[in-house]
Amino acid sequence: MPQAHTHDHLPGREAKLFRNNKSQAVRIPADFELPGDRVMIYREGDRLILQPVRRRSLLAVLADLEPLGPEDQLPDIDETLLPPREVDL
């Protein structure tokens, strides 16, 4: 669910709704601007809640990976294949 943000103290403001192809869009005033270019949207009754999607760093993603086990090892190399050689481009 959404976390508290530093701008939670701002009073509400009316914003313009408009059509963008087949989607409805809202023009967000500059003082309510969200970071990034993606949001998660939640519905609570007749309210919509927008929450910025924060991108995880590559190090954070790698840290969450489980180590490879014996069943995850790469298959044996086919010894009947020709050996690799340098190719001039």
C-alpha atoms as a PDB file:
ATOM      1  CA  MET A   1       0.000   0.000   0.000  1.00  0.00           C
ATOM      2  CA  PRO A   2       1.122   3.597  -0.417  1.00  0.00           C
ATOM      3  CA  GLN A   3       3.646   4.982   2.006  1.00  0.00           C
ATOM      4  CA  ALA A   4       3.590   8.483   3.460  1.00  0.00           C
ATOM      5  CA  HIS A   5       5.339  11.020   1.235  1.00  0.00           C
ATOM      6  CA  THR A   6       6.794  14.421   2.022  1.00  0.00           C
ATOM      7  CA  HIS A   7       3.943  16.131   0.128  1.00  0.00           C
ATOM      8  CA  ASP A   8       1.112  14.537   2.151  1.00  0.00           C
ATOM      9  CA  HIS A   9       0.518  17.881   3.838  1.00  0.00           C
ATOM     10  CA  LEU A  10      -0.595  19.609   0.600  1.00  0.00           C
ATOM     11  CA  PRO A  11      -4.303  20.433   0.417  1.00  0.00           C
ATOM     12  CA  GLY A  12      -6.364  18.757  -2.302  1.00  0.00           C
ATOM     13  CA  ARG A  13      -6.702  20.403  -5.695  1.00  0.00           C
ATOM     14  CA  GLU A  14      -9.002  19.882  -8.639  1.00  0.00           C
ATOM     15  CA  ALA A  15      -7.290  18.389 -11.715  1.00  0.00           C
ATOM     16  CA  LYS A  16      -8.351  18.024 -15.331  1.00  0.00           C
ATOM     17  CA  LEU A  17      -9.398  14.642 -16.762  1.00  0.00           C
ATOM     18  CA  PHE A  18      -9.015  14.045 -20.494  1.00  0.00           C
ATOM     19  CA  ARG A  19      -8.945  11.265 -23.082  1.00  0.00           C
ATOM     20  CA  ASN A  20      -5.709   9.832 -24.473  1.00  0.00           C
ATOM     21  CA  ASN A  21      -6.803   7.430 -27.222  1.00  0.00           C
ATOM     22  CA  LYS A  22      -9.046   4.906 -25.397  1.00  0.00           C
ATOM     23  CA  SER A  23      -7.670   5.669 -21.919  1.00  0.00           C
ATOM     24  CA  GLN A  24      -8.709   8.300 -19.441  1.00  0.00           C
ATOM     25  CA  ALA A  25      -5.820  10.433 -18.155  1.00  0.00           C
ATOM     26  CA  VAL A  26      -5.400  13.041 -15.456  1.00  0.00           C
ATOM     27  CA  ARG A  27      -3.256  16.160 -15.707  1.00  0.00           C
ATOM     28  CA  ILE A  28      -1.227  16.205 -12.483  1.00  0.00           C
ATOM     29  CA  PRO A  29      -0.341  19.719 -11.260  1.00  0.00           C
ATOM     30  CA  ALA A  30       3.406  20.430 -10.933  1.00  0.00           C
ATOM     31  CA  ASP A  31       3.287  20.637  -7.132  1.00  0.00           C
ATOM     32  CA  PHE A  32       1.926  17.043  -7.048  1.00  0.00           C
ATOM     33  CA  GLU A  33       4.492  15.691  -9.545  1.00  0.00           C
ATOM     34  CA  LEU A  34       5.609  12.093  -8.966  1.00  0.00           C
ATOM     35  CA  PRO A  35       9.158  10.812  -9.566  1.00  0.00           C
ATOM     36  CA  GLY A  36       9.898   8.458 -12.458  1.00  0.00           C
ATOM     37  CA  ASP A  37       7.742   7.530 -15.426  1.00  0.00           C
ATOM     38  CA  ARG A  38       5.588   4.679 -14.040  1.00  0.00           C
ATOM     39  CA  VAL A  39       3.039   4.326 -11.239  1.00  0.00           C
ATOM     40  CA  MET A  40       1.064   1.543  -9.591  1.00  0.00           C
ATOM     41  CA  ILE A  41      -2.636   2.363  -9.420  1.00  0.00           C
ATOM     42  CA  TYR A  42      -4.968   1.052  -6.710  1.00  0.00           C
ATOM     43  CA  ARG A  43      -8.706   1.445  -6.260  1.00  0.00           C
ATOM     44  CA  GLU A  44     -10.251   1.954  -2.808  1.00  0.00           C
ATOM     45  CA  GLY A  45     -13.961   2.385  -3.297  1.00  0.00           C
ATOM     46  CA  ASP A  46     -14.374   5.453  -5.525  1.00  0.00           C
ATOM     47  CA  ARG A  47     -10.792   6.632  -4.834  1.00  0.00           C
ATOM     48  CA  LEU A  48      -7.773   5.947  -7.047  1.00  0.00           C
ATOM     49  CA  ILE A  49      -4.344   5.878  -5.437  1.00  0.00           C
ATOM     50  CA  LEU A  50      -1.185   6.416  -7.498  1.00  0.00           C
ATOM     51  CA  GLN A  51       2.136   5.202  -6.138  1.00  0.00           C
ATOM     52  CA  PRO A  52       5.469   5.748  -7.934  1.00  0.00           C
ATOM     53  CA  VAL A  53       7.227   2.586  -9.115  1.00  0.00           C
ATOM     54  CA  ARG A  54      10.785   2.726  -7.896  1.00  0.00           C
ATOM     55  CA  ARG A  55      13.280   0.825 -10.036  1.00  0.00           C
ATOM     56  CA  ARG A  56      15.502  -1.599  -8.162  1.00  0.00           C
ATOM     57  CA  SER A  57      19.223  -1.480  -8.738  1.00  0.00           C
ATOM     58  CA  LEU A  58      20.894  -4.399 -10.487  1.00  0.00           C
ATOM     59  CA  LEU A  59      22.792  -5.184  -7.272  1.00  0.00           C
ATOM     60  CA  ALA A  60      19.498  -5.441  -5.348  1.00  0.00           C
ATOM     61  CA  VAL A  61      18.032  -7.795  -7.973  1.00  0.00           C
ATOM     62  CA  LEU A  62      21.170  -9.980  -7.961  1.00  0.00           C
ATOM     63  CA  ALA A  63      21.200 -10.078  -4.141  1.00  0.00           C
ATOM     64  CA  ASP A  64      17.684 -11.584  -4.171  1.00  0.00           C
ATOM     65  CA  LEU A  65      18.629 -14.458  -6.497  1.00  0.00           C
ATOM     66  CA  GLU A  66      18.953 -17.914  -4.993  1.00  0.00           C
ATOM     67  CA  PRO A  67      22.290 -19.678  -5.519  1.00  0.00           C
ATOM     68  CA  LEU A  68      22.395 -22.335  -8.222  1.00  0.00           C
ATOM     69  CA  GLY A  69      22.107 -25.894  -6.978  1.00  0.00           C
ATOM     70  CA  PRO A  70      23.228 -29.167  -8.582  1.00  0.00           C
ATOM     71  CA  GLU A  71      19.929 -29.487 -10.482  1.00  0.00           C
ATOM     72  CA  ASP A  72      20.472 -26.009 -12.015  1.00  0.00           C
ATOM     73  CA  GLN A  73      23.884 -26.756 -13.544  1.00  0.00           C
ATOM     74  CA  LEU A  74      24.467 -26.308 -17.240  1.00  0.00           C
ATOM     75  CA  PRO A  75      24.275 -29.409 -19.431  1.00  0.00           C
ATOM     76  CA  ASP A  76      27.467 -31.137 -20.558  1.00  0.00           C
ATOM     77  CA  ILE A  77      29.051 -29.849 -23.759  1.00  0.00           C
ATOM     78  CA  ASP A  78      28.506 -32.006 -26.829  1.00  0.00           C
ATOM     79  CA  GLU A  79      32.018 -33.263 -27.606  1.00  0.00           C
ATOM     80  CA  THR A  80      31.059 -34.016 -31.240  1.00  0.00           C
ATOM     81  CA  LEU A  81      30.890 -30.284 -32.037  1.00  0.00           C
ATOM     82  CA  LEU A  82      33.765 -28.607 -33.836  1.00  0.00           C
ATOM     83  CA  PRO A  83      36.064 -26.590 -31.551  1.00  0.00           C
ATOM     84  CA  PRO A  84      35.503 -22.801 -31.486  1.00  0.00           C
ATOM     85  CA  ARG A  85      37.733 -20.690 -33.737  1.00  0.00           C
ATOM     86  CA  GLU A  86      38.413 -16.988 -34.249  1.00  0.00           C
ATOM     87  CA  VAL A  87      36.353 -15.338 -36.976  1.00  0.00           C
ATOM     88  CA  ASP A  88      37.489 -12.122 -38.716  1.00  0.00           C
ATOM     89  CA  LEU A  89      34.675  -9.643 -39.267  1.00  0.00           C
END
